[in-house]
PDB file of N, CA and C in Angstrom:
ATOM      1  N   UNK A   1      64.988  71.851 110.999  1.00  0.00           N
ATOM      2  CA  UNK A   1      65.894  72.206 110.141  1.00  0.00           C
ATOM      3  C   UNK A   1      65.520  73.281 109.110  1.00  0.00           C
ATOM      4  N   UNK A   2      64.547  73.621 108.927  1.00  0.00           N
ATOM      5  CA  UNK A   2      64.071  74.679 108.094  1.00  0.00           C
ATOM      6  C   UNK A   2      64.305  76.124 108.973  1.00  0.00           C
ATOM      7  N   UNK A   3      64.212  75.955 110.296  1.00  0.00           N
ATOM      8  CA  UNK A   3      64.535  77.307 110.997  1.00  0.00           C
ATOM      9  C   UNK A   3      65.694  77.551 111.341  1.00  0.00           C
ATOM     10  N   UNK A   4      66.682  76.489 111.195  1.00  0.00           N
ATOM     11  CA  UNK A   4      68.009  76.648 111.321  1.00  0.00           C
ATOM     12  C   UNK A   4      68.183  77.716 109.855  1.00  0.00           C
ATOM     13  N   UNK A   5      67.944  76.998 108.723  1.00  0.00           N
ATOM     14  CA  UNK A   5      68.202  77.478 107.473  1.00  0.00           C
ATOM     15  C   UNK A   5      67.534  78.939 107.491  1.00  0.00           C
ATOM     16  N   UNK A   6      66.553  79.135 107.745  1.00  0.00           N
ATOM     17  CA  UNK A   6      66.118  80.667 108.125  1.00  0.00           C
ATOM     18  C   UNK A   6      66.882  81.508 108.903  1.00  0.00           C
ATOM     19  N   UNK A   7      67.093  81.175 110.024  1.00  0.00           N
ATOM     20  CA  UNK A   7      68.099  81.885 110.937  1.00  0.00           C
ATOM     21  C   UNK A   7      69.419  82.246 110.497  1.00  0.00           C
ATOM     22  N   UNK A   8      69.926  81.208 109.709  1.00  0.00           N
ATOM     23  CA  UNK A   8      71.101  81.574 109.269  1.00  0.00           C
ATOM     24  C   UNK A   8      71.004  82.662 108.200  1.00  0.00           C
ATOM     25  N   UNK A   9      70.228  82.717 107.283  1.00  0.00           N
ATOM     26  CA  UNK A   9      69.857  83.544 106.306  1.00  0.00           C
ATOM     27  C   UNK A   9      69.673  85.142 106.876  1.00  0.00           C
ATOM     28  N   UNK A  10      68.870  85.064 108.090  1.00  0.00           N
ATOM     29  CA  UNK A  10      68.534  86.334 108.703  1.00  0.00           C
ATOM     30  C   UNK A  10      69.963  86.965 108.974  1.00  0.00           C
ATOM     31  N   UNK A  11      70.608  85.923 109.877  1.00  0.00           N
ATOM     32  CA  UNK A  11      71.971  86.504 110.379  1.00  0.00           C
ATOM     33  C   UNK A  11      72.842  87.033 109.264  1.00  0.00           C
ATOM     34  N   UNK A  12      72.871  86.238 108.090  1.00  0.00           N
ATOM     35  CA  UNK A  12      73.826  86.870 107.084  1.00  0.00           C
ATOM     36  C   UNK A  12      73.229  88.199 106.532  1.00  0.00           C
ATOM     37  N   UNK A  13      72.069  88.523 106.459  1.00  0.00           N
ATOM     38  CA  UNK A  13      71.345  89.709 105.969  1.00  0.00           C
ATOM     39  C   UNK A  13      71.620  90.840 106.876  1.00  0.00           C
ATOM     40  N   UNK A  14      71.677  90.763 108.171  1.00  0.00           N
ATOM     41  CA  UNK A  14      71.835  91.650 109.290  1.00  0.00           C
ATOM     42  C   UNK A  14      73.126  91.872 109.283  1.00  0.00           C
ATOM     43  N   UNK A  15      74.262  90.806 109.145  1.00  0.00           N
ATOM     44  CA  UNK A  15      75.629  91.398 109.027  1.00  0.00           C
ATOM     45  C   UNK A  15      76.203  92.179 107.640  1.00  0.00           C
ATOM     46  N   UNK A  16      75.398  91.817 106.615  1.00  0.00           N
ATOM     47  CA  UNK A  16      75.708  92.596 105.469  1.00  0.00           C
ATOM     48  C   UNK A  16      75.770  93.871 105.456  1.00  0.00           C
ATOM     49  N   UNK A  17      74.615  94.314 106.075  1.00  0.00           N
ATOM     50  CA  UNK A  17      74.290  95.965 106.272  1.00  0.00           C
ATOM     51  C   UNK A  17      75.228  96.347 107.491  1.00  0.00           C
ATOM     52  N   UNK A  18      75.938  95.683 108.295  1.00  0.00           N
ATOM     53  CA  UNK A  18      76.666  96.494 109.241  1.00  0.00           C
ATOM     54  C   UNK A  18      77.709  97.485 108.508  1.00  0.00           C
ATOM     55  N   UNK A  19      77.800  98.672 108.495  1.00  0.00           N
ATOM     56  CA  UNK A  19      78.834  99.126 108.170  1.00  0.00           C
ATOM     57  C   UNK A  19      80.367  99.001 108.903  1.00  0.00           C
ATOM     58  N   UNK A  20      81.188  99.031 107.934  1.00  0.00           N
ATOM     59  CA  UNK A  20      82.693  98.373 108.459  1.00  0.00           C
ATOM     60  C   UNK A  20      82.760  96.738 108.605  1.00  0.00           C
ATOM     61  N   UNK A  21      81.609  96.201 108.536  1.00  0.00           N
ATOM     62  CA  UNK A  21      81.715  94.584 108.761  1.00  0.00           C
ATOM     63  C   UNK A  21      82.714  94.030 107.318  1.00  0.00           C
ATOM     64  N   UNK A  22      82.752  94.604 106.657  1.00  0.00           N
ATOM     65  CA  UNK A  22      83.317  93.742 105.199  1.00  0.00           C
ATOM     66  C   UNK A  22      84.565  94.686 104.886  1.00  0.00           C
ATOM     67  N   UNK A  23      85.099  95.914 105.836  1.00  0.00           N
ATOM     68  CA  UNK A  23      86.195  96.516 105.406  1.00  0.00           C
ATOM     69  C   UNK A  23      87.455  95.617 105.809  1.00  0.00           C
ATOM     70  N   UNK A  24      88.347  95.737 104.774  1.00  0.00           N
ATOM     71  CA  UNK A  24      89.575  94.981 104.934  1.00  0.00           C
ATOM     72  C   UNK A  24      90.323  95.482 106.219  1.00  0.00           C
ATOM     73  N   UNK A  25      91.120  95.216 106.823  1.00  0.00           N
ATOM     74  CA  UNK A  25      91.783  95.405 108.077  1.00  0.00           C
ATOM     75  C   UNK A  25      92.988  96.183 107.840  1.00  0.00           C
ATOM     76  N   UNK A  26      93.633  96.463 106.582  1.00  0.00           N
ATOM     77  CA  UNK A  26      94.596  97.357 106.158  1.00  0.00           C
ATOM     78  C   UNK A  26      93.975  98.684 106.205  1.00  0.00           C
ATOM     79  N   UNK A  27      92.952  98.981 106.040  1.00  0.00           N
ATOM     80  CA  UNK A  27      92.430 100.327 106.108  1.00  0.00           C
ATOM     81  C   UNK A  27      92.468 101.059 107.520  1.00  0.00           C
ATOM     82  N   UNK A  28      92.655 100.295 108.430  1.00  0.00           N
ATOM     83  CA  UNK A  28      92.816 100.743 110.163  1.00  0.00           C
ATOM     84  C   UNK A  28      94.144 101.015 110.420  1.00  0.00           C
ATOM     85  N   UNK A  29      94.570 102.008 111.039  1.00  0.00           N
ATOM     86  CA  UNK A  29      95.474 102.545 111.780  1.00  0.00           C
ATOM     87  C   UNK A  29      95.498 102.130 113.076  1.00  0.00           C
ATOM     88  N   UNK A  30      96.102 101.276 113.436  1.00  0.00           N
ATOM     89  CA  UNK A  30      96.567 100.711 115.005  1.00  0.00           C
ATOM     90  C   UNK A  30      97.590 100.608 115.333  1.00  0.00           C
ATOM     91  N   UNK A  31      98.670 100.837 114.779  1.00  0.00           N
ATOM     92  CA  UNK A  31     100.188 100.721 114.971  1.00  0.00           C
ATOM     93  C   UNK A  31     101.013 101.861 114.796  1.00  0.00           C
ATOM     94  N   UNK A  32     102.216 102.210 115.406  1.00  0.00           N
ATOM     95  CA  UNK A  32     103.117 103.195 115.036  1.00  0.00           C
ATOM     96  C   UNK A  32     103.565 102.987 113.411  1.00  0.00           C
ATOM     97  N   UNK A  33     103.778 101.671 112.922  1.00  0.00           N
ATOM     98  CA  UNK A  33     104.131 101.560 111.581  1.00  0.00           C
ATOM     99  C   UNK A  33     103.437 101.786 110.602  1.00  0.00           C
ATOM    100  N   UNK A  34     101.876 101.394 110.976  1.00  0.00           N
ATOM    101  CA  UNK A  34     100.986 101.870 110.066  1.00  0.00           C
ATOM    102  C   UNK A  34     100.593 103.394 110.009  1.00  0.00           C
ATOM    103  N   UNK A  35     100.738 103.991 111.040  1.00  0.00           N
ATOM    104  CA  UNK A  35     100.681 105.128 110.942  1.00  0.00           C
ATOM    105  C   UNK A  35     101.775 106.107 110.191  1.00  0.00           C
ATOM    106  N   UNK A  36     102.853 105.692 110.111  1.00  0.00           N
ATOM    107  CA  UNK A  36     103.910 106.283 109.517  1.00  0.00           C
ATOM    108  C   UNK A  36     103.851 105.996 108.055  1.00  0.00           C
ATOM    109  N   UNK A  37     103.338 104.608 107.794  1.00  0.00           N
ATOM    110  CA  UNK A  37     102.996 104.432 106.214  1.00  0.00           C
ATOM    111  C   UNK A  37     101.963 105.146 105.578  1.00  0.00           C
ATOM    112  N   UNK A  38     101.157 105.563 106.542  1.00  0.00           N
ATOM    113  CA  UNK A  38      99.988 106.726 105.819  1.00  0.00           C
ATOM    114  C   UNK A  38     100.477 108.103 106.080  1.00  0.00           C
ATOM    115  N   UNK A  39     101.658 108.564 106.195  1.00  0.00           N
ATOM    116  CA  UNK A  39     102.278 109.733 106.397  1.00  0.00           C
ATOM    117  C   UNK A  39     101.725 110.486 107.791  1.00  0.00           C
ATOM    118  N   UNK A  40     101.595 109.560 108.892  1.00  0.00           N
ATOM    119  CA  UNK A  40     100.846 110.053 110.148  1.00  0.00           C
ATOM    120  C   UNK A  40     102.011 110.330 111.101  1.00  0.00           C
ATOM    121  N   UNK A  41     101.456 110.876 112.148  1.00  0.00           N
ATOM    122  CA  UNK A  41     102.498 111.337 113.315  1.00  0.00           C
ATOM    123  C   UNK A  41     101.663 110.834 114.507  1.00  0.00           C
ATOM    124  N   UNK A  42     102.507 110.043 115.483  1.00  0.00           N
ATOM    125  CA  UNK A  42     101.989 109.717 116.628  1.00  0.00           C
ATOM    126  C   UNK A  42     102.168 110.574 117.833  1.00  0.00           C
ATOM    127  N   UNK A  43     100.887 111.149 118.471  1.00  0.00           N
ATOM    128  CA  UNK A  43     100.936 112.116 119.414  1.00  0.00           C
ATOM    129  C   UNK A  43     100.382 111.866 120.632  1.00  0.00           C
ATOM    130  N   UNK A  44     100.534 112.433 121.848  1.00  0.00           N
ATOM    131  CA  UNK A  44      99.878 111.780 122.910  1.00  0.00           C
ATOM    132  C   UNK A  44      98.290 112.447 123.146  1.00  0.00           C
ATOM    133  N   UNK A  45      97.467 111.639 123.129  1.00  0.00           N
ATOM    134  CA  UNK A  45      96.161 111.907 123.613  1.00  0.00           C
ATOM    135  C   UNK A  45      95.204 112.473 122.445  1.00  0.00           C
ATOM    136  N   UNK A  46      95.445 113.704 122.122  1.00  0.00           N
ATOM    137  CA  UNK A  46      94.831 114.681 120.990  1.00  0.00           C
ATOM    138  C   UNK A  46      95.649 115.292 119.939  1.00  0.00           C
ATOM    139  N   UNK A  47      95.197 115.366 118.757  1.00  0.00           N
ATOM    140  CA  UNK A  47      95.961 115.906 117.886  1.00  0.00           C
ATOM    141  C   UNK A  47      95.968 117.523 117.699  1.00  0.00           C
ATOM    142  N   UNK A  48      96.957 118.168 117.386  1.00  0.00           N
ATOM    143  CA  UNK A  48      97.023 119.683 117.552  1.00  0.00           C
ATOM    144  C   UNK A  48      95.834 120.146 116.200  1.00  0.00           C
ATOM    145  N   UNK A  49      95.575 121.448 116.374  1.00  0.00           N
ATOM    146  CA  UNK A  49      94.330 121.859 115.322  1.00  0.00           C
ATOM    147  C   UNK A  49      94.469 121.704 114.248  1.00  0.00           C
ATOM    148  N   UNK A  50      95.775 121.771 113.694  1.00  0.00           N
ATOM    149  CA  UNK A  50      96.339 121.593 112.420  1.00  0.00           C
ATOM    150  C   UNK A  50      96.291 120.187 111.643  1.00  0.00           C
ATOM    151  N   UNK A  51      95.888 119.175 112.523  1.00  0.00           N
ATOM    152  CA  UNK A  51      95.899 117.989 112.237  1.00  0.00           C
ATOM    153  C   UNK A  51      94.609 117.046 112.530  1.00  0.00           C
ATOM    154  N   UNK A  52      94.343 116.117 111.899  1.00  0.00           N
ATOM    155  CA  UNK A  52      93.226 115.299 112.076  1.00  0.00           C
ATOM    156  C   UNK A  52      93.380 113.847 112.350  1.00  0.00           C
ATOM    157  N   UNK A  53      92.875 113.218 113.261  1.00  0.00           N
ATOM    158  CA  UNK A  53      93.093 112.003 113.557  1.00  0.00           C
ATOM    159  C   UNK A  53      92.511 110.833 112.726  1.00  0.00           C
ATOM    160  N   UNK A  54      93.296 109.896 112.410  1.00  0.00           N
ATOM    161  CA  UNK A  54      93.183 108.850 111.571  1.00  0.00           C
ATOM    162  C   UNK A  54      93.380 107.453 111.997  1.00  0.00           C
ATOM    163  N   UNK A  55      93.667 107.475 113.353  1.00  0.00           N
ATOM    164  CA  UNK A  55      93.682 106.046 113.992  1.00  0.00           C
ATOM    165  C   UNK A  55      94.403 106.309 115.530  1.00  0.00           C
ATOM    166  N   UNK A  56      95.028 105.008 115.991  1.00  0.00           N
ATOM    167  CA  UNK A  56      95.749 105.161 117.083  1.00  0.00           C
ATOM    168  C   UNK A  56      96.832 104.422 116.795  1.00  0.00           C
ATOM    169  N   UNK A  57      98.076 104.965 117.916  1.00  0.00           N
ATOM    170  CA  UNK A  57      99.230 103.995 117.693  1.00  0.00           C
ATOM    171  C   UNK A  57      99.338 103.068 118.861  1.00  0.00           C
ATOM    172  N   UNK A  58      98.754 103.520 120.010  1.00  0.00           N
ATOM    173  CA  UNK A  58      98.581 102.590 121.112  1.00  0.00           C
ATOM    174  C   UNK A  58      97.459 103.382 122.159  1.00  0.00           C
ATOM    175  N   UNK A  59      97.377 102.954 123.289  1.00  0.00           N
ATOM    176  CA  UNK A  59      96.118 102.982 124.115  1.00  0.00           C
ATOM    177  C   UNK A  59      96.422 104.535 124.692  1.00  0.00           C
ATOM    178  N   UNK A  60      97.515 105.234 124.494  1.00  0.00           N
ATOM    179  CA  UNK A  60      97.600 106.427 124.944  1.00  0.00           C
ATOM    180  C   UNK A  60      98.179 107.544 123.643  1.00  0.00           C
ATOM    181  N   UNK A  61      98.394 107.133 122.677  1.00  0.00           N
ATOM    182  CA  UNK A  61      99.048 108.074 121.294  1.00  0.00           C
ATOM    183  C   UNK A  61      97.904 107.627 120.205  1.00  0.00           C
ATOM    184  N   UNK A  62      97.353 108.788 119.528  1.00  0.00           N
ATOM    185  CA  UNK A  62      97.057 108.695 118.514  1.00  0.00           C
ATOM    186  C   UNK A  62      97.677 109.210 117.278  1.00  0.00           C
ATOM    187  N   UNK A  63      97.013 108.562 115.987  1.00  0.00           N
ATOM    188  CA  UNK A  63      97.659 108.865 114.691  1.00  0.00           C
ATOM    189  C   UNK A  63      97.300 110.080 114.040  1.00  0.00           C
ATOM    190  N   UNK A  64      97.921 111.107 113.632  1.00  0.00           N
ATOM    191  CA  UNK A  64      97.300 112.256 113.006  1.00  0.00           C
ATOM    192  C   UNK A  64      98.363 112.516 111.658  1.00  0.00           C
ATOM    193  N   UNK A  65      97.421 112.977 110.936  1.00  0.00           N
ATOM    194  CA  UNK A  65      97.888 113.543 109.735  1.00  0.00           C
ATOM    195  C   UNK A  65      97.275 114.839 109.225  1.00  0.00           C
ATOM    196  N   UNK A  66      98.011 115.718 108.204  1.00  0.00           N
ATOM    197  CA  UNK A  66      97.399 116.902 107.613  1.00  0.00           C
ATOM    198  C   UNK A  66      96.269 116.650 107.310  1.00  0.00           C
ATOM    199  N   UNK A  67      95.261 117.777 107.017  1.00  0.00           N
ATOM    200  CA  UNK A  67      93.710 117.787 106.415  1.00  0.00           C
ATOM    201  C   UNK A  67      94.207 117.803 105.000  1.00  0.00           C
TER     202      UNK A  67
END
């Protein structure tokens, strides 16, 4: 039983340090509606040079916004 307690504590510490593990899901842009809410534009494959990518709308389109 002591080993189980130790392993669960180690797992907790490892996952606590993983970046993005505790981020809320609403920060991620992965649908067309979420892209529009963040003043984004869905474009095919790559953002034009004057825009930056903030997420994806679907598997073919990315969400872009102004810099």
